[in-house]
Amino acid sequence: MSNLIENIKEKARKRKKTIVLPESYDERVIKAAHQLHSENICGVILLGNEQKIRDDAKKISEGSFGNVDLTGIRLIDPLKSDKLTDFTNIYFNLRKSKGVEFEKAKETIKNNLFFGAMLVREGMADGFVGGSVSPTADVLRAGIHCVGMPEGISIVSSFFLMIWPERVHAYADCAVVPNPTDEQLADIAISTADNYGKLIGDEPRIAMLSFSTKGSAEHEMVDKVRNATNLVKSKRPDLKVDGELQFDAAVIEKVGKSKAPGSEITGKANVLIFPDLNAGNIGYKIAQRLGGAEAIGPMVQGLKKPVFDLSRGCSVEDIVNTSSIACLMAE
């Protein structure tokens, strides 16, 4: 994994993006901000009370972590920002049709998550990495309400990079969407393929997974995967995709040639799309815990710009790595 992450960091350095970290009241975030800046991976914005951030950085510097220098890191207090009124007006206009009143909009934008997402929406930051102390639902709500989804994508989902010494796969969706519709499953496949290409630099080859391969079984769950496969082909004819495929046919060439002769995907798939969250979550954990894969993620996808949700048990290195990935996924 280290070689891949270092490659991602090096690419991030060249892109010169800026990432907003909204949860500055978490010392892991301050440490990560220092590391991102000191290693020249990206520009960093921290949100919160400026004096408290500086006091916390000073306390961290007195411990075993070493000196935390905030020079060059932008500190913004949403409560004092000259953007608070502008952001409130933008958010109110976005959400008034949903019954949000102006005062409610103003209180919402004072929240670091929503203020940070508005920075991304308005192009003042290229990506957002939060969730170290916030529930996933809150992070996703800020991203969906403020950043929004691109035209043609119907669902916010997630993917994992699954890394072995000899290969890297993308697995989706393993963390967000319990039971996607045909159209949602197709959009998950498209988003995952695009992000795999951005991060790995390899051509995505999508396998739409099922318990059936090319008609070996008939069931409504198989029909969903077939329909989703056809939707991917019609929406994105530039992508290589096949389905429905069993897992072994997708990743083992000998099995693929036997079960689906003539397919350009079988045995070579690197983007694996699971039919529902049961299969995806179980599948990635089997690969990680028994198969020895390193799992990076989940990484949120399906928004116009990167808004990433961390695990609340994340490490400083996790925040740095996720921020580096956000730089590559930013347009």
C-alpha atoms as a PDB file:
ATOM      1  CA  MET A   1       0.000   0.000   0.000  1.00  0.00           C
ATOM      2  CA  SER A   2       2.813   2.407   0.838  1.00  0.00           C
ATOM      3  CA  ASN A   3       3.946   2.674  -2.794  1.00  0.00           C
ATOM      4  CA  LEU A   4       0.426   3.459  -3.986  1.00  0.00           C
ATOM      5  CA  ILE A   5      -0.157   6.073  -1.265  1.00  0.00           C
ATOM      6  CA  GLU A   6       3.199   7.726  -1.954  1.00  0.00           C
ATOM      7  CA  ASN A   7       2.317   7.819  -5.657  1.00  0.00           C
ATOM      8  CA  ILE A   8      -1.049   9.431  -4.812  1.00  0.00           C
ATOM      9  CA  LYS A   9       0.661  11.990  -2.558  1.00  0.00           C
ATOM     10  CA  GLU A  10       3.151  12.860  -5.285  1.00  0.00           C
ATOM     11  CA  LYS A  11       0.355  13.381  -7.792  1.00  0.00           C
ATOM     12  CA  ALA A  12      -1.481  15.517  -5.218  1.00  0.00           C
ATOM     13  CA  ARG A  13       1.571  17.743  -4.778  1.00  0.00           C
ATOM     14  CA  LYS A  14       1.580  18.500  -8.488  1.00  0.00           C
ATOM     15  CA  ARG A  15      -2.122  19.416  -8.494  1.00  0.00           C
ATOM     16  CA  LYS A  16      -1.749  22.123  -5.822  1.00  0.00           C
ATOM     17  CA  LYS A  17      -5.279  21.739  -4.485  1.00  0.00           C
ATOM     18  CA  THR A  18      -6.751  23.058  -1.224  1.00  0.00           C
ATOM     19  CA  ILE A  19      -8.613  20.838   1.227  1.00  0.00           C
ATOM     20  CA  VAL A  20     -10.858  22.103   4.027  1.00  0.00           C
ATOM     21  CA  LEU A  21     -10.746  20.201   7.335  1.00  0.00           C
ATOM     22  CA  PRO A  22     -13.787  21.396   9.310  1.00  0.00           C
ATOM     23  CA  GLU A  23     -13.209  19.553  12.608  1.00  0.00           C
ATOM     24  CA  SER A  24     -10.303  21.518  14.074  1.00  0.00           C
ATOM     25  CA  TYR A  25     -11.473  20.708  17.609  1.00  0.00           C
ATOM     26  CA  ASP A  26     -10.042  17.208  17.037  1.00  0.00           C
ATOM     27  CA  GLU A  27      -6.281  17.145  17.645  1.00  0.00           C
ATOM     28  CA  ARG A  28      -5.866  14.472  14.958  1.00  0.00           C
ATOM     29  CA  VAL A  29      -7.141  17.004  12.417  1.00  0.00           C
ATOM     30  CA  ILE A  30      -4.656  19.670  13.551  1.00  0.00           C
ATOM     31  CA  LYS A  31      -1.824  17.156  13.327  1.00  0.00           C
ATOM     32  CA  ALA A  32      -2.974  16.088   9.851  1.00  0.00           C
ATOM     33  CA  ALA A  33      -3.224  19.714   8.713  1.00  0.00           C
ATOM     34  CA  HIS A  34       0.374  20.288   9.827  1.00  0.00           C
ATOM     35  CA  GLN A  35       1.554  17.157   8.008  1.00  0.00           C
ATOM     36  CA  LEU A  36      -0.321  17.975   4.792  1.00  0.00           C
ATOM     37  CA  HIS A  37       1.182  21.463   4.732  1.00  0.00           C
ATOM     38  CA  SER A  38       4.699  20.528   5.831  1.00  0.00           C
ATOM     39  CA  GLU A  39       4.887  17.747   3.224  1.00  0.00           C
ATOM     40  CA  ASN A  40       3.545  20.160   0.585  1.00  0.00           C
ATOM     41  CA  ILE A  41       0.730  17.772  -0.334  1.00  0.00           C
ATOM     42  CA  CYS A  42      -1.956  20.452  -0.526  1.00  0.00           C
ATOM     43  CA  GLY A  43      -3.165  23.749   0.851  1.00  0.00           C
ATOM     44  CA  VAL A  44      -5.181  23.425   4.053  1.00  0.00           C
ATOM     45  CA  ILE A  45      -8.073  25.348   5.589  1.00  0.00           C
ATOM     46  CA  LEU A  46      -9.003  24.717   9.231  1.00  0.00           C
ATOM     47  CA  LEU A  47     -12.387  25.871  10.530  1.00  0.00           C
ATOM     48  CA  GLY A  48     -13.119  27.052  14.060  1.00  0.00           C
ATOM     49  CA  ASN A  49     -12.161  29.582  16.683  1.00  0.00           C
ATOM     50  CA  GLU A  50      -8.722  30.800  15.649  1.00  0.00           C
ATOM     51  CA  GLN A  51      -7.358  31.283  19.164  1.00  0.00           C
ATOM     52  CA  LYS A  52      -8.523  27.841  20.270  1.00  0.00           C
ATOM     53  CA  ILE A  53      -6.904  26.233  17.215  1.00  0.00           C
ATOM     54  CA  ARG A  54      -3.607  27.988  17.999  1.00  0.00           C
ATOM     55  CA  ASP A  55      -3.818  27.059  21.696  1.00  0.00           C
ATOM     56  CA  ASP A  56      -4.524  23.421  20.802  1.00  0.00           C
ATOM     57  CA  ALA A  57      -1.604  23.386  18.358  1.00  0.00           C
ATOM     58  CA  LYS A  58       0.655  24.729  21.106  1.00  0.00           C
ATOM     59  CA  LYS A  59      -0.468  21.967  23.502  1.00  0.00           C
ATOM     60  CA  ILE A  60       0.169  19.328  20.830  1.00  0.00           C
ATOM     61  CA  SER A  61       3.648  20.782  20.239  1.00  0.00           C
ATOM     62  CA  GLU A  62       4.465  20.269  23.915  1.00  0.00           C
ATOM     63  CA  GLY A  63       3.741  16.532  23.627  1.00  0.00           C
ATOM     64  CA  SER A  64       5.454  13.627  21.902  1.00  0.00           C
ATOM     65  CA  PHE A  65       4.130  14.452  18.412  1.00  0.00           C
ATOM     66  CA  GLY A  66       6.587  17.315  17.961  1.00  0.00           C
ATOM     67  CA  ASN A  67       6.206  20.895  16.826  1.00  0.00           C
ATOM     68  CA  VAL A  68       2.956  21.770  15.046  1.00  0.00           C
ATOM     69  CA  ASP A  69       3.486  24.849  12.898  1.00  0.00           C
ATOM     70  CA  LEU A  70       0.308  26.464  11.549  1.00  0.00           C
ATOM     71  CA  THR A  71       2.202  28.978   9.408  1.00  0.00           C
ATOM     72  CA  GLY A  72       0.741  28.843   5.911  1.00  0.00           C
ATOM     73  CA  ILE A  73      -2.450  27.084   7.038  1.00  0.00           C
ATOM     74  CA  ARG A  74      -5.546  29.227   6.630  1.00  0.00           C
ATOM     75  CA  LEU A  75      -7.748  29.492   9.743  1.00  0.00           C
ATOM     76  CA  ILE A  76     -11.375  30.566   9.289  1.00  0.00           C
ATOM     77  CA  ASP A  77     -13.925  31.091  12.047  1.00  0.00           C
ATOM     78  CA  PRO A  78     -17.346  30.659  10.393  1.00  0.00           C
ATOM     79  CA  LEU A  79     -18.954  32.831  13.077  1.00  0.00           C
ATOM     80  CA  LYS A  80     -16.696  35.778  12.169  1.00  0.00           C
ATOM     81  CA  SER A  81     -16.261  35.170   8.457  1.00  0.00           C
ATOM     82  CA  ASP A  82     -17.263  37.803   5.935  1.00  0.00           C
ATOM     83  CA  LYS A  83     -18.649  34.893   3.890  1.00  0.00           C
ATOM     84  CA  LEU A  84     -21.283  33.965   6.473  1.00  0.00           C
ATOM     85  CA  THR A  85     -23.966  36.209   4.967  1.00  0.00           C
ATOM     86  CA  ASP A  86     -23.215  35.166   1.385  1.00  0.00           C
ATOM     87  CA  PHE A  87     -23.230  31.486   2.294  1.00  0.00           C
ATOM     88  CA  THR A  88     -26.462  31.890   4.251  1.00  0.00           C
ATOM     89  CA  ASN A  89     -28.180  33.476   1.249  1.00  0.00           C
ATOM     90  CA  ILE A  90     -26.915  30.775  -1.110  1.00  0.00           C
ATOM     91  CA  TYR A  91     -27.982  27.983   1.225  1.00  0.00           C
ATOM     92  CA  PHE A  92     -31.388  29.581   1.828  1.00  0.00           C
ATOM     93  CA  ASN A  93     -32.028  29.807  -1.918  1.00  0.00           C
ATOM     94  CA  LEU A  94     -30.956  26.184  -2.356  1.00  0.00           C
ATOM     95  CA  ARG A  95     -33.200  24.872   0.417  1.00  0.00           C
ATOM     96  CA  LYS A  96     -36.200  27.225   0.669  1.00  0.00           C
ATOM     97  CA  SER A  97     -38.244  24.947  -1.591  1.00  0.00           C
ATOM     98  CA  LYS A  98     -37.726  22.281   1.086  1.00  0.00           C
ATOM     99  CA  GLY A  99     -39.243  24.546   3.728  1.00  0.00           C
ATOM    100  CA  VAL A 100     -36.000  25.923   5.193  1.00  0.00           C
ATOM    101  CA  GLU A 101     -36.490  29.451   6.560  1.00  0.00           C
ATOM    102  CA  PHE A 102     -33.780  32.136   6.498  1.00  0.00           C
ATOM    103  CA  GLU A 103     -32.962  32.000  10.222  1.00  0.00           C
ATOM    104  CA  LYS A 104     -32.654  28.212  10.046  1.00  0.00           C
ATOM    105  CA  ALA A 105     -30.342  28.591   7.045  1.00  0.00           C
ATOM    106  CA  LYS A 106     -28.157  31.025   8.989  1.00  0.00           C
ATOM    107  CA  GLU A 107     -27.839  28.676  11.958  1.00  0.00           C
ATOM    108  CA  THR A 108     -27.052  25.756   9.642  1.00  0.00           C
ATOM    109  CA  ILE A 109     -24.227  27.602   7.874  1.00  0.00           C
ATOM    110  CA  LYS A 110     -22.628  28.432  11.238  1.00  0.00           C
ATOM    111  CA  ASN A 111     -21.991  24.681  11.547  1.00  0.00           C
ATOM    112  CA  ASN A 112     -18.425  23.873  10.461  1.00  0.00           C
ATOM    113  CA  LEU A 113     -19.526  20.983   8.244  1.00  0.00           C
ATOM    114  CA  PHE A 114     -21.938  23.107   6.230  1.00  0.00           C
ATOM    115  CA  PHE A 115     -19.605  26.119   6.095  1.00  0.00           C
ATOM    116  CA  GLY A 116     -16.830  23.833   4.832  1.00  0.00           C
ATOM    117  CA  ALA A 117     -19.092  22.287   2.207  1.00  0.00           C
ATOM    118  CA  MET A 118     -20.035  25.791   1.026  1.00  0.00           C
ATOM    119  CA  LEU A 119     -16.344  26.654   0.638  1.00  0.00           C
ATOM    120  CA  VAL A 120     -16.095  23.683  -1.724  1.00  0.00           C
ATOM    121  CA  ARG A 121     -19.289  24.605  -3.567  1.00  0.00           C
ATOM    122  CA  GLU A 122     -18.052  28.147  -4.163  1.00  0.00           C
ATOM    123  CA  GLY A 123     -14.588  27.069  -5.332  1.00  0.00           C
ATOM    124  CA  MET A 124     -12.723  28.407  -2.297  1.00  0.00           C
ATOM    125  CA  ALA A 125     -11.578  24.868  -1.509  1.00  0.00           C
ATOM    126  CA  ASP A 126     -11.226  21.882  -3.836  1.00  0.00           C
ATOM    127  CA  GLY A 127     -12.314  19.198  -1.406  1.00  0.00           C
ATOM    128  CA  PHE A 128     -13.613  18.483   2.096  1.00  0.00           C
ATOM    129  CA  VAL A 129     -12.505  15.790   4.545  1.00  0.00           C
ATOM    130  CA  GLY A 130     -14.574  15.411   7.721  1.00  0.00           C
ATOM    131  CA  GLY A 131     -16.214  12.844   9.940  1.00  0.00           C
ATOM    132  CA  SER A 132     -13.484  12.185  12.506  1.00  0.00           C
ATOM    133  CA  VAL A 133     -15.914  13.367  15.203  1.00  0.00           C
ATOM    134  CA  SER A 134     -19.160  13.721  13.214  1.00  0.00           C
ATOM    135  CA  PRO A 135     -21.725  11.082  12.192  1.00  0.00           C
ATOM    136  CA  THR A 136     -21.669   9.983   8.559  1.00  0.00           C
ATOM    137  CA  ALA A 137     -25.238  11.236   8.099  1.00  0.00           C
ATOM    138  CA  ASP A 138     -24.200  14.784   9.057  1.00  0.00           C
ATOM    139  CA  VAL A 139     -21.219  14.806   6.675  1.00  0.00           C
ATOM    140  CA  LEU A 140     -23.273  13.448   3.773  1.00  0.00           C
ATOM    141  CA  ARG A 141     -26.112  15.877   4.471  1.00  0.00           C
ATOM    142  CA  ALA A 142     -23.715  18.829   4.257  1.00  0.00           C
ATOM    143  CA  GLY A 143     -22.277  17.479   1.001  1.00  0.00           C
ATOM    144  CA  ILE A 144     -25.623  16.733  -0.635  1.00  0.00           C
ATOM    145  CA  HIS A 145     -27.287  20.005   0.431  1.00  0.00           C
ATOM    146  CA  CYS A 146     -24.366  22.305  -0.396  1.00  0.00           C
ATOM    147  CA  VAL A 147     -22.286  20.649  -3.125  1.00  0.00           C
ATOM    148  CA  GLY A 148     -24.985  18.562  -4.811  1.00  0.00           C
ATOM    149  CA  MET A 149     -24.823  15.791  -7.372  1.00  0.00           C
ATOM    150  CA  PRO A 150     -23.744  16.163 -11.014  1.00  0.00           C
ATOM    151  CA  GLU A 151     -26.269  15.825 -13.791  1.00  0.00           C
ATOM    152  CA  GLY A 152     -26.867  12.206 -14.727  1.00  0.00           C
ATOM    153  CA  ILE A 153     -25.874  10.734 -11.335  1.00  0.00           C
ATOM    154  CA  SER A 154     -28.779   9.631  -9.144  1.00  0.00           C
ATOM    155  CA  ILE A 155     -27.086   8.475  -5.948  1.00  0.00           C
ATOM    156  CA  VAL A 156     -24.350   9.305  -3.466  1.00  0.00           C
ATOM    157  CA  SER A 157     -22.397   6.128  -2.762  1.00  0.00           C
ATOM    158  CA  SER A 158     -18.935   4.990  -1.697  1.00  0.00           C
ATOM    159  CA  PHE A 159     -16.063   2.781  -2.734  1.00  0.00           C
ATOM    160  CA  PHE A 160     -13.003   1.130  -1.244  1.00  0.00           C
ATOM    161  CA  LEU A 161      -9.614   0.664  -2.808  1.00  0.00           C
ATOM    162  CA  MET A 162      -8.602  -2.929  -2.072  1.00  0.00           C
ATOM    163  CA  ILE A 163      -4.848  -3.318  -2.379  1.00  0.00           C
ATOM    164  CA  TRP A 164      -2.711  -6.426  -2.712  1.00  0.00           C
ATOM    165  CA  PRO A 165       0.993  -6.418  -3.637  1.00  0.00           C
ATOM    166  CA  GLU A 166       0.217  -7.420  -7.222  1.00  0.00           C
ATOM    167  CA  ARG A 167      -3.095  -5.640  -7.911  1.00  0.00           C
ATOM    168  CA  VAL A 168      -5.558  -2.925  -6.889  1.00  0.00           C
ATOM    169  CA  HIS A 169      -9.333  -3.262  -7.114  1.00  0.00           C
ATOM    170  CA  ALA A 170     -12.181  -0.849  -6.414  1.00  0.00           C
ATOM    171  CA  TYR A 171     -15.161  -2.349  -4.531  1.00  0.00           C
ATOM    172  CA  ALA A 172     -18.564  -0.591  -4.416  1.00  0.00           C
ATOM    173  CA  ASP A 173     -20.874   0.053  -2.760  1.00  0.00           C
ATOM    174  CA  CYS A 174     -19.726  -1.324   0.580  1.00  0.00           C
ATOM    175  CA  ALA A 175     -20.819   1.387   3.021  1.00  0.00           C
ATOM    176  CA  VAL A 176     -23.699   3.672   2.003  1.00  0.00           C
ATOM    177  CA  VAL A 177     -26.543   2.391  -0.229  1.00  0.00           C
ATOM    178  CA  PRO A 178     -28.390  -0.638   1.215  1.00  0.00           C
ATOM    179  CA  ASN A 179     -30.361  -1.787  -1.828  1.00  0.00           C
ATOM    180  CA  PRO A 180     -29.735   0.271  -4.976  1.00  0.00           C
ATOM    181  CA  THR A 181     -32.210   0.319  -7.841  1.00  0.00           C
ATOM    182  CA  ASP A 182     -31.135  -0.642 -11.357  1.00  0.00           C
ATOM    183  CA  GLU A 183     -30.364   2.996 -12.202  1.00  0.00           C
ATOM    184  CA  GLN A 184     -28.567   3.641  -8.901  1.00  0.00           C
ATOM    185  CA  LEU A 185     -26.438   0.520  -9.358  1.00  0.00           C
ATOM    186  CA  ALA A 186     -25.455   1.725 -12.824  1.00  0.00           C
ATOM    187  CA  ASP A 187     -24.506   5.150 -11.454  1.00  0.00           C
ATOM    188  CA  ILE A 188     -22.464   3.550  -8.669  1.00  0.00           C
ATOM    189  CA  ALA A 189     -20.561   1.622 -11.343  1.00  0.00           C
ATOM    190  CA  ILE A 190     -19.922   4.759 -13.424  1.00  0.00           C
ATOM    191  CA  SER A 191     -18.754   6.829 -10.446  1.00  0.00           C
ATOM    192  CA  THR A 192     -16.481   4.057  -9.204  1.00  0.00           C
ATOM    193  CA  ALA A 193     -14.927   3.472 -12.628  1.00  0.00           C
ATOM    194  CA  ASP A 194     -14.195   7.173 -13.101  1.00  0.00           C
ATOM    195  CA  ASN A 195     -12.614   7.480  -9.663  1.00  0.00           C
ATOM    196  CA  TYR A 196     -10.569   4.303 -10.105  1.00  0.00           C
ATOM    197  CA  GLY A 197      -9.124   5.775 -13.290  1.00  0.00           C
ATOM    198  CA  LYS A 198      -8.283   9.076 -11.551  1.00  0.00           C
ATOM    199  CA  LEU A 199      -6.560   7.416  -8.606  1.00  0.00           C
ATOM    200  CA  ILE A 200      -4.814   4.439 -10.168  1.00  0.00           C
ATOM    201  CA  GLY A 201      -4.189   5.687 -13.683  1.00  0.00           C
ATOM    202  CA  ASP A 202      -5.293   2.346 -15.132  1.00  0.00           C
ATOM    203  CA  GLU A 203      -8.234   1.700 -17.449  1.00  0.00           C
ATOM    204  CA  PRO A 204     -11.263   0.615 -15.386  1.00  0.00           C
ATOM    205  CA  ARG A 205     -12.796  -2.753 -16.279  1.00  0.00           C
ATOM    206  CA  ILE A 206     -16.159  -3.105 -14.544  1.00  0.00           C
ATOM    207  CA  ALA A 207     -17.688  -6.380 -13.418  1.00  0.00           C
ATOM    208  CA  MET A 208     -21.339  -6.199 -12.339  1.00  0.00           C
ATOM    209  CA  LEU A 209     -21.411  -8.964  -9.751  1.00  0.00           C
ATOM    210  CA  SER A 210     -24.152 -11.499  -9.100  1.00  0.00           C
ATOM    211  CA  PHE A 211     -24.657 -15.103  -8.036  1.00  0.00           C
ATOM    212  CA  SER A 212     -25.259 -15.789 -11.732  1.00  0.00           C
ATOM    213  CA  THR A 213     -22.974 -15.609 -14.762  1.00  0.00           C
ATOM    214  CA  LYS A 214     -24.596 -14.898 -18.120  1.00  0.00           C
ATOM    215  CA  GLY A 215     -27.901 -16.618 -17.449  1.00  0.00           C
ATOM    216  CA  SER A 216     -26.704 -19.488 -15.247  1.00  0.00           C
ATOM    217  CA  ALA A 217     -29.551 -18.518 -12.885  1.00  0.00           C
ATOM    218  CA  GLU A 218     -32.823 -16.632 -13.228  1.00  0.00           C
ATOM    219  CA  HIS A 219     -34.088 -14.373 -10.438  1.00  0.00           C
ATOM    220  CA  GLU A 220     -35.274 -10.792  -9.971  1.00  0.00           C
ATOM    221  CA  MET A 221     -31.981  -9.997  -8.224  1.00  0.00           C
ATOM    222  CA  VAL A 222     -30.140 -11.158 -11.338  1.00  0.00           C
ATOM    223  CA  ASP A 223     -32.449  -9.070 -13.510  1.00  0.00           C
ATOM    224  CA  LYS A 224     -31.432  -5.964 -11.552  1.00  0.00           C
ATOM    225  CA  VAL A 225     -27.746  -6.548 -12.313  1.00  0.00           C
ATOM    226  CA  ARG A 226     -28.441  -7.214 -15.994  1.00  0.00           C
ATOM    227  CA  ASN A 227     -30.524  -4.066 -16.293  1.00  0.00           C
ATOM    228  CA  ALA A 228     -27.871  -2.008 -14.520  1.00  0.00           C
ATOM    229  CA  THR A 229     -25.197  -3.377 -16.862  1.00  0.00           C
ATOM    230  CA  ASN A 230     -27.213  -2.307 -19.896  1.00  0.00           C
ATOM    231  CA  LEU A 231     -27.739   1.144 -18.380  1.00  0.00           C
ATOM    232  CA  VAL A 232     -23.988   1.596 -17.899  1.00  0.00           C
ATOM    233  CA  LYS A 233     -23.401   0.599 -21.510  1.00  0.00           C
ATOM    234  CA  SER A 234     -25.999   3.071 -22.787  1.00  0.00           C
ATOM    235  CA  LYS A 235     -24.947   5.975 -20.528  1.00  0.00           C
ATOM    236  CA  ARG A 236     -21.198   5.478 -20.904  1.00  0.00           C
ATOM    237  CA  PRO A 237     -20.306   3.494 -24.033  1.00  0.00           C
ATOM    238  CA  ASP A 238     -16.657   4.449 -23.452  1.00  0.00           C
ATOM    239  CA  LEU A 239     -16.445   2.190 -20.382  1.00  0.00           C
ATOM    240  CA  LYS A 240     -15.596  -1.500 -20.449  1.00  0.00           C
ATOM    241  CA  VAL A 241     -18.289  -3.306 -18.470  1.00  0.00           C
ATOM    242  CA  ASP A 242     -19.864  -6.745 -18.355  1.00  0.00           C
ATOM    243  CA  GLY A 243     -22.446  -8.530 -16.266  1.00  0.00           C
ATOM    244  CA  GLU A 244     -23.980 -10.356 -14.745  1.00  0.00           C
ATOM    245  CA  LEU A 245     -20.801 -12.100 -13.543  1.00  0.00           C
ATOM    246  CA  GLN A 246     -19.958 -14.246 -10.552  1.00  0.00           C
ATOM    247  CA  PHE A 247     -16.943 -13.086  -8.564  1.00  0.00           C
ATOM    248  CA  ASP A 248     -14.660 -15.900  -9.695  1.00  0.00           C
ATOM    249  CA  ALA A 249     -15.529 -15.311 -13.350  1.00  0.00           C
ATOM    250  CA  ALA A 250     -14.712 -11.628 -12.911  1.00  0.00           C
ATOM    251  CA  VAL A 251     -11.242 -12.048 -11.416  1.00  0.00           C
ATOM    252  CA  ILE A 252      -9.918 -15.484 -12.466  1.00  0.00           C
ATOM    253  CA  GLU A 253      -9.198 -15.742 -16.175  1.00  0.00           C
ATOM    254  CA  LYS A 254      -9.548 -19.512 -16.459  1.00  0.00           C
ATOM    255  CA  VAL A 255     -12.939 -19.458 -14.769  1.00  0.00           C
ATOM    256  CA  GLY A 256     -14.042 -16.470 -16.806  1.00  0.00           C
ATOM    257  CA  LYS A 257     -13.177 -18.081 -20.104  1.00  0.00           C
ATOM    258  CA  SER A 258     -15.219 -21.134 -19.120  1.00  0.00           C
ATOM    259  CA  LYS A 259     -18.271 -19.302 -17.774  1.00  0.00           C
ATOM    260  CA  ALA A 260     -18.352 -16.274 -20.087  1.00  0.00           C
ATOM    261  CA  PRO A 261     -16.320 -16.982 -23.214  1.00  0.00           C
ATOM    262  CA  GLY A 262     -15.698 -13.939 -25.374  1.00  0.00           C
ATOM    263  CA  SER A 263     -16.050 -11.383 -22.593  1.00  0.00           C
ATOM    264  CA  GLU A 264     -13.318  -8.725 -22.456  1.00  0.00           C
ATOM    265  CA  ILE A 265     -13.856  -8.305 -18.693  1.00  0.00           C
ATOM    266  CA  THR A 266     -13.702 -11.824 -17.262  1.00  0.00           C
ATOM    267  CA  GLY A 267     -10.536 -12.540 -15.339  1.00  0.00           C
ATOM    268  CA  LYS A 268      -9.408  -8.923 -15.744  1.00  0.00           C
ATOM    269  CA  ALA A 269     -11.957  -6.914 -13.745  1.00  0.00           C
ATOM    270  CA  ASN A 270     -10.547  -4.219 -11.475  1.00  0.00           C
ATOM    271  CA  VAL A 271     -13.807  -2.420 -10.592  1.00  0.00           C
ATOM    272  CA  LEU A 272     -16.167  -4.779  -8.794  1.00  0.00           C
ATOM    273  CA  ILE A 273     -19.762  -3.636  -8.293  1.00  0.00           C
ATOM    274  CA  PHE A 274     -21.760  -5.559  -5.710  1.00  0.00           C
ATOM    275  CA  PRO A 275     -25.545  -5.828  -6.112  1.00  0.00           C
ATOM    276  CA  ASP A 276     -26.360  -4.561  -2.606  1.00  0.00           C
ATOM    277  CA  LEU A 277     -24.807  -3.480   0.680  1.00  0.00           C
ATOM    278  CA  ASN A 278     -25.023  -6.939   2.239  1.00  0.00           C
ATOM    279  CA  ALA A 279     -22.787  -8.390  -0.464  1.00  0.00           C
ATOM    280  CA  GLY A 280     -20.474  -5.380  -0.673  1.00  0.00           C
ATOM    281  CA  ASN A 281     -19.823  -4.945   3.033  1.00  0.00           C
ATOM    282  CA  ILE A 282     -19.296  -8.659   3.612  1.00  0.00           C
ATOM    283  CA  GLY A 283     -17.155  -8.950   0.483  1.00  0.00           C
ATOM    284  CA  TYR A 284     -14.688  -6.185   1.303  1.00  0.00           C
ATOM    285  CA  LYS A 285     -14.281  -7.417   4.888  1.00  0.00           C
ATOM    286  CA  ILE A 286     -13.564 -10.972   3.725  1.00  0.00           C
ATOM    287  CA  ALA A 287     -10.968  -9.608   1.292  1.00  0.00           C
ATOM    288  CA  GLN A 288      -9.439  -7.488   4.044  1.00  0.00           C
ATOM    289  CA  ARG A 289      -9.518  -9.892   6.991  1.00  0.00           C
ATOM    290  CA  LEU A 290      -8.934 -13.240   5.286  1.00  0.00           C
ATOM    291  CA  GLY A 291      -7.552 -12.219   1.897  1.00  0.00           C
ATOM    292  CA  GLY A 292      -4.868  -9.907   3.244  1.00  0.00           C
ATOM    293  CA  ALA A 293      -5.964  -6.830   1.304  1.00  0.00           C
ATOM    294  CA  GLU A 294      -5.322  -3.315   2.558  1.00  0.00           C
ATOM    295  CA  ALA A 295      -8.610  -1.398   2.460  1.00  0.00           C
ATOM    296  CA  ILE A 296      -8.642   2.366   1.883  1.00  0.00           C
ATOM    297  CA  GLY A 297     -12.035   3.952   2.387  1.00  0.00           C
ATOM    298  CA  PRO A 298     -14.903   4.252   2.323  1.00  0.00           C
ATOM    299  CA  MET A 299     -14.605   7.213  -0.030  1.00  0.00           C
ATOM    300  CA  VAL A 300     -17.801   9.093  -0.792  1.00  0.00           C
ATOM    301  CA  GLN A 301     -18.624   9.570  -4.471  1.00  0.00           C
ATOM    302  CA  GLY A 302     -21.495  10.881  -6.555  1.00  0.00           C
ATOM    303  CA  LEU A 303     -21.142  14.555  -5.558  1.00  0.00           C
ATOM    304  CA  LYS A 304     -20.001  17.351  -7.878  1.00  0.00           C
ATOM    305  CA  LYS A 305     -16.844  17.822  -5.800  1.00  0.00           C
ATOM    306  CA  PRO A 306     -15.080  15.642  -3.186  1.00  0.00           C
ATOM    307  CA  VAL A 307     -16.734  15.542   0.243  1.00  0.00           C
ATOM    308  CA  PHE A 308     -15.193  12.648   2.154  1.00  0.00           C
ATOM    309  CA  ASP A 309     -16.363  10.999   5.350  1.00  0.00           C
ATOM    310  CA  LEU A 310     -13.787   9.581   7.759  1.00  0.00           C
ATOM    311  CA  SER A 311     -14.239   6.824  10.291  1.00  0.00           C
ATOM    312  CA  ARG A 312     -14.477   8.227  13.812  1.00  0.00           C
ATOM    313  CA  GLY A 313     -11.673   5.845  14.700  1.00  0.00           C
ATOM    314  CA  CYS A 314      -9.388   7.260  12.004  1.00  0.00           C
ATOM    315  CA  SER A 315      -5.706   7.979  12.515  1.00  0.00           C
ATOM    316  CA  VAL A 316      -3.769  11.090  11.563  1.00  0.00           C
ATOM    317  CA  GLU A 317      -2.352   9.137   8.623  1.00  0.00           C
ATOM    318  CA  ASP A 318      -5.879   8.217   7.508  1.00  0.00           C
ATOM    319  CA  ILE A 319      -6.789  11.918   7.356  1.00  0.00           C
ATOM    320  CA  VAL A 320      -3.619  12.708   5.397  1.00  0.00           C
ATOM    321  CA  ASN A 321      -4.190   9.838   2.961  1.00  0.00           C
ATOM    322  CA  THR A 322      -7.859  10.678   2.443  1.00  0.00           C
ATOM    323  CA  SER A 323      -7.016  14.341   1.844  1.00  0.00           C
ATOM    324  CA  SER A 324      -4.418  13.285  -0.737  1.00  0.00           C
ATOM    325  CA  ILE A 325      -7.022  11.178  -2.523  1.00  0.00           C
ATOM    326  CA  ALA A 326      -9.481  14.099  -2.449  1.00  0.00           C
ATOM    327  CA  CYS A 327      -6.890  16.188  -4.307  1.00  0.00           C
ATOM    328  CA  LEU A 328      -6.805  13.660  -7.136  1.00  0.00           C
ATOM    329  CA  MET A 329     -10.589  13.360  -7.335  1.00  0.00           C
ATOM    330  CA  ALA A 330     -11.065  17.126  -7.542  1.00  0.00           C
ATOM    331  CA  GLU A 331     -11.642  18.308 -11.089  1.00  0.00           C
END
